[in-house]
N, C-alpha and C. Protein backbone atom coordinates (compact mmCIF):
# COMPACT_ATOMS: atom_id res chain seq x y z
N UNK A 1 19.84 -187.59 36.54
CA UNK A 1 19.63 -188.83 35.75
C UNK A 1 20.95 -189.23 35.81
N UNK A 2 21.06 -190.44 35.82
CA UNK A 2 22.64 -191.30 35.09
C UNK A 2 22.19 -192.21 34.25
N UNK A 3 23.27 -192.09 33.63
CA UNK A 3 22.94 -193.14 32.20
C UNK A 3 24.89 -193.89 32.21
N UNK A 4 24.03 -195.32 32.35
CA UNK A 4 25.31 -196.20 32.63
C UNK A 4 25.18 -197.01 32.00
N UNK A 5 26.10 -198.18 32.07
CA UNK A 5 25.81 -199.44 31.05
C UNK A 5 25.57 -200.31 32.15
N UNK A 6 24.06 -201.31 31.48
CA UNK A 6 23.82 -202.25 32.43
C UNK A 6 24.60 -203.60 32.45
N UNK A 7 24.35 -203.66 33.66
CA UNK A 7 24.96 -205.36 34.49
C UNK A 7 23.82 -206.33 34.59
N UNK A 8 24.31 -207.58 34.75
CA UNK A 8 23.67 -209.20 35.47
C UNK A 8 22.49 -208.42 35.95
N UNK A 9 22.84 -207.66 37.20
CA UNK A 9 21.92 -207.23 38.10
C UNK A 9 21.13 -206.41 37.73
N UNK A 10 20.99 -206.05 36.91
CA UNK A 10 19.86 -205.12 36.47
C UNK A 10 18.87 -205.32 35.51
N UNK A 11 19.18 -206.80 35.27
CA UNK A 11 17.98 -207.63 34.39
C UNK A 11 16.09 -207.21 34.96
N UNK A 12 16.12 -207.58 36.53
CA UNK A 12 15.04 -207.63 37.15
C UNK A 12 14.76 -206.08 36.72
N UNK A 13 15.20 -205.34 36.88
CA UNK A 13 14.94 -203.99 36.93
C UNK A 13 14.43 -203.64 35.24
N UNK A 14 15.30 -204.19 34.15
CA UNK A 14 14.91 -203.82 33.00
C UNK A 14 13.51 -204.12 32.68
N UNK A 15 13.63 -206.20 32.63
CA UNK A 15 12.54 -206.54 32.89
C UNK A 15 11.17 -205.77 33.44
N UNK A 16 11.21 -205.08 34.60
CA UNK A 16 9.79 -204.59 35.09
C UNK A 16 9.89 -203.37 33.86
N UNK A 17 10.73 -202.62 33.78
CA UNK A 17 10.55 -201.46 32.27
C UNK A 17 9.92 -202.17 31.31
N UNK A 18 10.27 -203.07 30.95
CA UNK A 18 10.11 -203.28 29.56
C UNK A 18 8.40 -203.98 29.65
N UNK A 19 8.11 -204.69 30.46
CA UNK A 19 6.73 -204.93 30.68
C UNK A 19 5.75 -203.62 30.84
N UNK A 20 6.52 -203.39 31.78
CA UNK A 20 5.48 -202.08 31.85
C UNK A 20 5.31 -201.05 30.85
N UNK A 21 5.80 -200.81 30.29
CA UNK A 21 5.85 -199.78 29.12
C UNK A 21 5.87 -200.60 27.64
N UNK A 22 5.50 -201.83 27.79
CA UNK A 22 4.79 -202.31 26.63
C UNK A 22 3.33 -202.64 27.00
N UNK A 23 3.03 -202.58 28.17
CA UNK A 23 1.54 -202.13 27.97
C UNK A 23 1.00 -201.03 28.54
N UNK A 24 1.48 -200.07 28.33
CA UNK A 24 1.27 -198.61 28.13
C UNK A 24 1.32 -198.16 26.73
N UNK A 25 2.51 -198.37 26.36
CA UNK A 25 2.96 -198.04 25.15
C UNK A 25 1.91 -198.95 23.98
N UNK A 26 1.81 -200.29 24.14
CA UNK A 26 1.26 -200.82 23.13
C UNK A 26 -0.44 -201.30 23.31
N UNK A 27 -0.78 -200.48 24.19
CA UNK A 27 -2.27 -200.57 24.75
C UNK A 27 -3.09 -200.38 23.26
N UNK A 28 -3.77 -201.27 22.90
CA UNK A 28 -4.71 -200.61 21.65
C UNK A 28 -3.93 -200.85 20.15
N UNK A 29 -2.78 -201.77 20.09
CA UNK A 29 -1.58 -201.86 19.28
C UNK A 29 -1.78 -203.28 19.14
N UNK A 30 -0.95 -203.95 20.29
CA UNK A 30 -0.52 -205.42 20.02
C UNK A 30 -2.03 -205.83 21.00
N UNK A 31 -2.28 -207.25 20.27
CA UNK A 31 -3.70 -207.58 20.71
C UNK A 31 -3.39 -208.03 22.27
N UNK A 32 -4.40 -207.78 22.95
CA UNK A 32 -5.15 -207.84 24.69
C UNK A 32 -4.04 -208.94 25.15
N UNK A 33 -4.41 -210.10 24.76
CA UNK A 33 -4.01 -211.52 25.62
C UNK A 33 -2.63 -211.28 25.43
N UNK A 34 -2.33 -210.45 24.69
CA UNK A 34 -0.38 -210.76 24.10
C UNK A 34 -0.02 -210.14 25.17
N UNK A 35 -0.80 -208.85 25.67
CA UNK A 35 0.34 -207.95 26.69
C UNK A 35 -0.28 -208.56 27.96
N UNK A 36 -1.19 -208.80 28.41
CA UNK A 36 -1.73 -209.65 29.25
C UNK A 36 -0.82 -210.57 30.19
N UNK A 37 -0.41 -211.87 28.93
CA UNK A 37 0.52 -212.87 29.32
C UNK A 37 1.90 -212.53 29.60
N UNK A 38 2.23 -211.07 29.56
CA UNK A 38 3.63 -210.97 29.87
C UNK A 38 3.84 -210.89 30.87
N UNK A 39 4.87 -211.40 31.43
CA UNK A 39 5.59 -211.00 32.54
C UNK A 39 6.77 -210.54 33.10
N UNK A 40 6.76 -210.17 34.39
CA UNK A 40 8.40 -209.93 34.72
C UNK A 40 9.28 -211.25 34.69
N UNK A 41 8.69 -212.02 34.82
CA UNK A 41 9.57 -213.42 35.65
C UNK A 41 10.09 -214.19 33.75
N UNK A 42 8.79 -214.10 32.79
CA UNK A 42 9.62 -214.27 31.86
C UNK A 42 10.06 -213.22 31.00
N UNK A 43 10.28 -211.72 31.15
CA UNK A 43 11.27 -211.11 30.78
C UNK A 43 12.75 -210.81 31.44
N UNK A 44 12.45 -211.37 32.90
CA UNK A 44 13.86 -211.74 33.44
C UNK A 44 14.72 -212.26 32.49
N UNK A 45 14.17 -213.47 32.36
CA UNK A 45 15.01 -214.55 32.02
C UNK A 45 15.43 -213.85 30.71
N UNK A 46 14.80 -213.39 30.00
CA UNK A 46 15.36 -213.06 28.64
C UNK A 46 16.61 -212.22 28.71
N UNK A 47 16.24 -211.30 29.69
CA UNK A 47 17.19 -209.55 29.61
C UNK A 47 18.45 -210.46 30.73
N UNK A 48 18.26 -211.72 31.77
CA UNK A 48 19.54 -212.32 32.18
C UNK A 48 20.33 -212.40 31.23
N UNK A 49 19.90 -212.96 29.97
CA UNK A 49 20.69 -213.99 29.11
C UNK A 49 21.59 -212.62 28.12
N UNK A 50 20.27 -211.65 27.66
CA UNK A 50 20.69 -210.49 26.71
C UNK A 50 21.55 -209.79 27.16
N UNK A 51 21.84 -209.28 28.38
CA UNK A 51 22.44 -208.14 29.43
C UNK A 51 23.99 -208.93 29.23
N UNK A 52 24.20 -210.10 28.68
CA UNK A 52 25.62 -211.16 28.58
C UNK A 52 26.19 -211.12 27.04
N UNK A 53 25.46 -210.94 26.58
CA UNK A 53 26.00 -210.94 24.68
C UNK A 53 26.53 -210.07 24.50
N UNK A 54 27.80 -210.97 23.93
CA UNK A 54 28.75 -209.75 23.82
C UNK A 54 28.80 -208.44 22.79
N UNK A 55 28.22 -208.97 21.91
CA UNK A 55 27.73 -207.78 20.89
C UNK A 55 26.99 -207.36 21.02
N UNK A 56 25.88 -207.46 21.73
CA UNK A 56 24.68 -206.23 22.50
C UNK A 56 25.02 -205.13 23.58
N UNK A 57 24.92 -204.30 23.09
CA UNK A 57 25.46 -202.92 24.26
C UNK A 57 23.88 -202.78 24.70
N UNK A 58 23.66 -202.60 26.33
CA UNK A 58 22.63 -202.36 26.80
C UNK A 58 23.18 -201.11 28.22
N UNK A 59 22.08 -200.16 27.97
CA UNK A 59 22.32 -198.99 29.15
C UNK A 59 20.98 -199.24 29.63
N UNK A 60 21.55 -198.39 30.98
CA UNK A 60 19.98 -197.95 31.53
C UNK A 60 19.89 -196.58 32.35
N UNK A 61 18.92 -196.01 32.50
CA UNK A 61 18.99 -194.75 33.05
C UNK A 61 18.24 -195.00 34.41
N UNK A 62 19.07 -194.41 35.25
CA UNK A 62 18.47 -194.74 36.53
C UNK A 62 18.41 -192.89 37.53
N UNK A 63 17.23 -193.15 38.31
CA UNK A 63 17.25 -191.63 39.02
C UNK A 63 18.34 -191.69 40.18
N UNK A 64 18.59 -190.77 40.82
CA UNK A 64 19.01 -190.69 41.93
C UNK A 64 19.23 -191.45 42.87
N UNK A 65 18.07 -192.13 43.44
CA UNK A 65 18.05 -193.02 44.25
C UNK A 65 17.89 -194.54 43.96
N UNK A 66 18.81 -194.94 42.16
CA UNK A 66 18.94 -195.87 41.77
C UNK A 66 18.20 -196.64 41.08
N UNK A 67 16.70 -196.30 41.07
CA UNK A 67 15.72 -196.90 40.58
C UNK A 67 15.59 -196.82 39.44
N UNK A 68 15.82 -197.74 37.96
CA UNK A 68 15.92 -197.85 36.91
C UNK A 68 14.33 -197.57 36.33
N UNK A 69 14.48 -196.50 35.54
CA UNK A 69 13.30 -195.77 34.91
C UNK A 69 13.35 -196.04 33.57
N UNK A 70 14.68 -196.62 32.49
CA UNK A 70 14.19 -196.54 31.28
C UNK A 70 15.74 -197.31 30.88
N UNK A 71 15.37 -198.14 29.34
CA UNK A 71 16.61 -198.63 29.20
C UNK A 71 16.88 -198.94 27.74
N UNK A 72 17.84 -198.73 26.98
CA UNK A 72 18.07 -199.17 25.54
C UNK A 72 19.05 -200.27 25.13
N UNK A 73 18.78 -200.97 24.10
CA UNK A 73 19.87 -201.95 23.31
C UNK A 73 19.76 -201.87 22.07
N UNK A 74 21.21 -202.28 21.58
CA UNK A 74 21.60 -202.31 20.28
C UNK A 74 22.55 -203.51 19.96
N UNK A 75 23.18 -203.80 18.57
CA UNK A 75 23.97 -204.16 18.43
C UNK A 75 23.65 -204.95 16.70
N UNK A 76 24.36 -205.79 16.26
CA UNK A 76 24.42 -206.36 15.04
C UNK A 76 22.69 -206.05 14.29
N UNK A 77 22.61 -205.65 13.32
CA UNK A 77 21.47 -205.71 12.59
C UNK A 77 21.06 -207.49 12.47
N UNK A 78 19.69 -207.58 12.74
CA UNK A 78 19.05 -208.88 12.81
C UNK A 78 18.78 -209.15 11.32
N UNK A 79 18.24 -208.72 10.95
CA UNK A 79 17.46 -209.04 9.54
C UNK A 79 17.83 -208.92 8.37
N UNK A 80 18.76 -208.30 8.74
CA UNK A 80 19.72 -208.42 6.90
C UNK A 80 21.03 -207.74 6.91
N UNK A 81 21.90 -208.00 6.22
CA UNK A 81 23.61 -207.36 6.63
C UNK A 81 23.56 -206.17 5.76
N UNK A 82 23.58 -205.55 6.43
CA UNK A 82 23.56 -204.17 6.33
C UNK A 82 25.12 -203.41 6.56
N UNK A 83 25.82 -202.80 5.57
CA UNK A 83 27.29 -203.20 5.95
C UNK A 83 27.44 -201.84 7.11
N UNK A 84 28.12 -201.97 8.17
CA UNK A 84 28.45 -200.72 9.47
C UNK A 84 27.30 -200.17 9.64
N UNK A 85 26.61 -201.04 9.74
CA UNK A 85 25.09 -200.93 10.43
C UNK A 85 24.68 -201.66 11.74
N UNK A 86 24.47 -200.68 12.77
CA UNK A 86 24.02 -201.48 14.03
C UNK A 86 22.40 -201.20 13.95
N UNK A 87 21.88 -202.09 14.87
CA UNK A 87 20.06 -201.70 15.33
C UNK A 87 19.89 -201.66 15.95
N UNK A 88 19.15 -200.29 16.46
CA UNK A 88 18.96 -200.24 18.04
C UNK A 88 17.44 -200.90 18.14
N UNK A 89 17.85 -201.90 19.31
CA UNK A 89 16.88 -202.81 19.42
C UNK A 89 15.29 -202.72 20.17
N UNK A 90 16.11 -201.96 21.33
CA UNK A 90 14.62 -201.59 22.39
C UNK A 90 15.43 -200.39 22.73
N UNK A 91 14.07 -199.03 23.04
CA UNK A 91 14.31 -197.98 23.80
C UNK A 91 12.96 -198.20 24.66
N UNK A 92 12.86 -197.97 26.04
CA UNK A 92 12.01 -198.11 26.96
C UNK A 92 12.14 -197.06 27.85
N UNK A 93 11.05 -195.66 28.05
CA UNK A 93 11.29 -195.09 29.57
C UNK A 93 9.98 -194.87 29.76
N UNK A 94 9.61 -195.45 31.34
CA UNK A 94 8.72 -195.16 32.10
C UNK A 94 7.76 -194.23 31.73
N UNK A 95 6.48 -194.22 31.59
CA UNK A 95 5.25 -192.94 31.59
C UNK A 95 5.91 -191.98 32.45
N UNK A 96 6.41 -192.23 33.53
CA UNK A 96 6.59 -191.04 34.77
C UNK A 96 7.51 -190.30 34.86
N UNK A 97 8.93 -191.10 34.05
CA UNK A 97 9.99 -190.51 33.51
C UNK A 97 9.62 -190.19 31.91
N UNK A 98 9.06 -189.91 31.41
CA UNK A 98 9.18 -189.57 30.11
C UNK A 98 9.41 -187.68 29.53
N UNK A 99 9.72 -187.38 28.84
CA UNK A 99 9.56 -185.87 28.52
C UNK A 99 10.69 -185.26 29.35
N UNK A 100 11.96 -186.04 30.08
CA UNK A 100 13.00 -185.40 31.07
C UNK A 100 14.17 -185.88 30.26
N UNK A 101 14.53 -186.04 28.74
CA UNK A 101 15.24 -186.25 28.37
C UNK A 101 16.45 -187.57 28.46
N UNK A 102 15.49 -188.38 28.92
CA UNK A 102 16.44 -189.79 29.38
C UNK A 102 16.44 -190.56 28.00
N UNK A 103 15.14 -190.75 27.20
CA UNK A 103 15.84 -191.66 25.66
C UNK A 103 16.71 -190.96 25.11
N UNK A 104 17.33 -189.08 24.88
CA UNK A 104 18.05 -188.87 24.07
C UNK A 104 19.32 -189.61 24.38
N UNK A 105 19.62 -189.23 26.15
CA UNK A 105 20.40 -189.39 26.91
C UNK A 105 20.64 -190.90 26.47
N UNK A 106 20.01 -192.04 27.05
CA UNK A 106 20.49 -193.31 26.31
C UNK A 106 20.96 -193.89 24.93
N UNK A 107 19.95 -192.94 24.35
CA UNK A 107 20.37 -193.27 22.92
C UNK A 107 21.88 -192.53 22.40
N UNK A 108 22.19 -191.50 23.09
CA UNK A 108 23.11 -190.71 22.61
C UNK A 108 24.63 -191.53 23.28
N UNK A 109 24.27 -192.27 24.86
CA UNK A 109 25.58 -193.07 24.99
C UNK A 109 25.74 -194.27 23.95
N UNK A 110 24.50 -195.25 23.64
CA UNK A 110 24.32 -195.99 22.60
C UNK A 110 24.96 -195.96 21.45
N UNK A 111 24.63 -194.76 20.85
CA UNK A 111 25.42 -194.42 19.69
C UNK A 111 26.80 -193.98 19.59
N UNK A 112 27.32 -193.59 20.90
CA UNK A 112 28.36 -193.05 21.18
C UNK A 112 29.41 -194.42 21.04
N UNK A 113 28.58 -195.14 22.06
CA UNK A 113 29.76 -196.73 22.03
C UNK A 113 29.63 -197.42 20.42
N UNK A 114 28.54 -197.48 19.78
CA UNK A 114 28.54 -198.30 18.88
C UNK A 114 29.89 -197.31 17.61
N UNK A 115 29.71 -196.24 17.61
CA UNK A 115 30.51 -195.26 16.20
C UNK A 115 31.76 -195.39 17.26
N UNK A 116 32.48 -196.00 18.62
CA UNK A 116 33.56 -196.45 18.77
C UNK A 116 33.87 -198.05 18.20
N UNK A 117 32.85 -198.41 18.34
CA UNK A 117 32.96 -199.91 17.84
C UNK A 117 33.08 -199.61 16.33
N UNK A 118 33.14 -198.93 15.51
CA UNK A 118 33.42 -198.80 14.00
C UNK A 118 31.87 -198.98 13.19
N UNK A 119 30.91 -198.95 13.87
CA UNK A 119 29.62 -198.51 13.08
C UNK A 119 29.47 -197.52 12.51
N UNK A 120 28.91 -196.97 11.07
CA UNK A 120 28.33 -195.84 10.79
C UNK A 120 27.19 -195.57 10.68
N UNK A 121 26.58 -196.14 10.71
CA UNK A 121 24.84 -196.01 10.61
C UNK A 121 23.93 -196.72 11.74
N UNK A 122 22.89 -196.30 11.73
CA UNK A 122 21.68 -197.04 12.40
C UNK A 122 20.55 -197.27 12.07
N UNK A 123 19.58 -198.49 12.23
CA UNK A 123 18.41 -198.84 11.63
C UNK A 123 17.38 -198.81 13.12
N UNK A 124 16.21 -198.69 13.37
CA UNK A 124 15.49 -199.36 14.01
C UNK A 124 14.07 -199.38 13.65
N UNK A 125 13.74 -200.43 14.11
CA UNK A 125 12.18 -201.23 13.43
C UNK A 125 11.43 -201.05 14.44
N UNK A 126 10.20 -200.19 14.51
CA UNK A 126 8.98 -199.49 15.01
C UNK A 126 7.78 -200.38 14.98
N UNK A 127 6.30 -200.17 15.22
CA UNK A 127 5.35 -200.65 15.00
C UNK A 127 4.88 -199.68 14.38
N UNK A 128 4.60 -199.54 13.19
CA UNK A 128 3.85 -198.55 12.42
C UNK A 128 2.75 -197.67 13.48
N UNK A 129 2.10 -198.19 13.94
CA UNK A 129 0.74 -197.44 14.83
C UNK A 129 1.53 -197.07 15.85
N UNK A 130 2.37 -197.15 16.24
CA UNK A 130 3.31 -196.68 17.60
C UNK A 130 3.46 -194.85 17.24
N UNK A 131 2.85 -194.25 18.66
CA UNK A 131 2.63 -193.02 18.11
C UNK A 131 4.76 -192.33 18.69
N UNK A 132 4.99 -193.43 19.15
CA UNK A 132 6.49 -192.68 19.44
C UNK A 132 7.63 -193.02 18.82
N UNK A 133 7.28 -193.22 17.50
CA UNK A 133 7.99 -193.20 16.32
C UNK A 133 8.35 -191.85 16.24
N UNK A 134 7.46 -190.94 16.38
CA UNK A 134 7.78 -189.57 16.17
C UNK A 134 9.09 -189.24 16.27
N UNK A 135 9.91 -189.64 17.72
CA UNK A 135 11.40 -189.62 18.43
C UNK A 135 12.16 -189.82 17.20
N UNK A 136 11.92 -190.91 16.54
CA UNK A 136 13.10 -191.32 15.04
C UNK A 136 12.84 -190.04 14.21
N UNK A 137 11.79 -189.77 13.92
CA UNK A 137 11.32 -188.58 12.60
C UNK A 137 11.70 -187.21 13.13
N UNK A 138 11.79 -186.60 14.67
CA UNK A 138 12.39 -185.42 15.34
C UNK A 138 13.76 -185.58 15.08
N UNK A 139 14.43 -186.98 15.27
CA UNK A 139 15.69 -186.85 14.76
C UNK A 139 16.36 -186.40 13.77
N UNK A 140 15.54 -186.70 12.48
CA UNK A 140 15.59 -186.82 11.24
C UNK A 140 16.22 -188.52 10.69
N UNK A 141 15.30 -189.22 11.14
CA UNK A 141 15.83 -190.95 10.74
C UNK A 141 14.71 -190.64 9.36
N UNK A 142 15.50 -191.52 8.48
CA UNK A 142 14.50 -191.60 7.40
C UNK A 142 13.91 -192.97 7.33
N UNK A 143 12.68 -192.79 6.60
CA UNK A 143 11.64 -194.14 6.48
C UNK A 143 12.80 -195.19 5.67
N UNK A 144 13.10 -196.32 5.72
CA UNK A 144 13.74 -197.50 4.78
C UNK A 144 12.92 -198.56 4.79
N UNK A 145 11.92 -198.83 4.98
CA UNK A 145 11.19 -199.85 4.64
C UNK A 145 10.41 -200.27 5.52
N UNK A 146 9.23 -201.56 5.61
CA UNK A 146 8.39 -202.07 6.34
C UNK A 146 8.35 -202.93 6.15
N UNK A 147 7.79 -203.99 7.44
CA UNK A 147 7.95 -205.33 7.22
C UNK A 147 6.62 -205.59 8.33
N UNK A 148 6.66 -206.66 8.89
CA UNK A 148 5.47 -207.19 10.02
C UNK A 148 6.03 -208.11 10.79
N UNK A 149 5.11 -208.12 11.98
CA UNK A 149 5.55 -209.25 12.95
C UNK A 149 4.37 -210.09 13.53
N UNK A 150 3.95 -210.99 13.80
CA UNK A 150 2.43 -211.70 14.05
C UNK A 150 2.60 -211.90 15.50
N UNK A 151 1.84 -211.64 16.07
CA UNK A 151 1.34 -211.55 17.90
C UNK A 151 0.15 -212.45 17.97
N UNK A 152 0.22 -213.50 18.54
CA UNK A 152 -1.41 -214.17 18.72
C UNK A 152 -2.20 -213.63 17.90
N UNK A 153 -1.65 -214.30 16.83
CA UNK A 153 -2.04 -214.75 15.24
C UNK A 153 -2.64 -213.19 14.42
N UNK A 154 -2.19 -211.94 14.82
CA UNK A 154 -2.12 -210.24 14.59
C UNK A 154 -1.30 -210.12 13.71
N UNK A 155 -1.24 -209.68 12.72
CA UNK A 155 0.05 -208.91 11.90
C UNK A 155 0.17 -207.47 12.02
N UNK A 156 0.94 -207.19 12.60
CA UNK A 156 1.15 -205.97 13.09
C UNK A 156 2.47 -205.35 12.02
N UNK A 157 1.93 -204.56 10.98
CA UNK A 157 3.19 -203.64 10.07
C UNK A 157 3.76 -202.72 11.18
N UNK A 158 5.33 -202.99 10.59
CA UNK A 158 6.15 -202.07 11.09
C UNK A 158 6.67 -200.99 10.22
N UNK A 159 7.59 -200.23 10.46
CA UNK A 159 8.60 -199.43 9.54
C UNK A 159 9.96 -199.39 9.86
N UNK A 160 10.73 -199.15 9.08
CA UNK A 160 12.28 -199.22 9.57
C UNK A 160 12.90 -197.65 9.05
N UNK A 161 13.27 -197.20 10.46
CA UNK A 161 14.30 -195.54 10.22
C UNK A 161 15.46 -195.58 10.07
N UNK A 162 16.34 -195.58 9.36
CA UNK A 162 17.77 -195.26 9.12
C UNK A 162 18.27 -194.14 9.58
N UNK A 163 19.68 -193.71 10.24
CA UNK A 163 19.87 -192.62 10.16
C UNK A 163 21.55 -192.90 9.78
N UNK A 164 21.54 -192.38 8.73
CA UNK A 164 23.31 -192.68 7.51
C UNK A 164 24.35 -191.71 8.59
N UNK A 165 24.50 -191.10 8.97
CA UNK A 165 25.75 -190.32 9.69
C UNK A 165 25.40 -190.67 11.29
N UNK A 166 25.84 -191.24 11.98
CA UNK A 166 26.27 -190.97 13.37
C UNK A 166 26.51 -190.18 14.04
N UNK A 167 27.40 -189.09 13.24
CA UNK A 167 28.00 -188.14 14.27
C UNK A 167 26.87 -186.67 13.91
N UNK A 168 26.05 -186.69 13.17
CA UNK A 168 25.06 -185.93 12.87
C UNK A 168 23.69 -186.55 14.13
N UNK A 169 23.67 -187.65 13.87
CA UNK A 169 22.56 -188.07 14.94
C UNK A 169 23.08 -187.70 16.37
N UNK A 170 24.34 -188.00 16.64
CA UNK A 170 24.95 -187.04 18.31
C UNK A 170 24.70 -186.26 18.27
N UNK A 171 24.82 -185.25 17.17
CA UNK A 171 24.47 -183.81 17.75
C UNK A 171 22.69 -183.45 17.48
N UNK A 172 22.40 -184.25 17.11
CA UNK A 172 20.67 -184.33 17.34
C UNK A 172 20.27 -184.41 18.66
N UNK A 173 21.35 -185.49 19.09
CA UNK A 173 20.66 -186.18 20.89
C UNK A 173 20.99 -185.14 21.82
N UNK A 174 21.99 -184.29 21.28
CA UNK A 174 22.38 -183.18 22.43
C UNK A 174 21.49 -181.77 23.03
């Protein structure tokens, strides 16, 4: 498995991973109509722009044959002004590639890059009912706060995990 910085040409593959992961990860959590209305084309447009944003870092995990099976991205905190903190915006791994350490490798690369950019802390927002939040708990993330998002008129609770020591987080990712 190879982890590398995403380029504009990866937008289509990232869009596919994003949509496929939303449909498997959030089934039974996010309104069905929202998931049904997701499309590769809509996500492609988003990712084509997202990859080019200067302050945002995006990494892909790809198999030896070049297939992108996961990605992560992060950048400045979106909701509040937290000093020296970056936000992990997303990390998704296709079901068929989970359990192989790709998520840890992707996050390690992002944390390393953001540390080099002067960040000292990380925050991530997760849907409260998302079982994959255990990933952050195993990495010793500390519950920070609660919020919610509204999709298709349904309010979905979210929780935030913070990591106050990026060097400790990097060690936990190895």
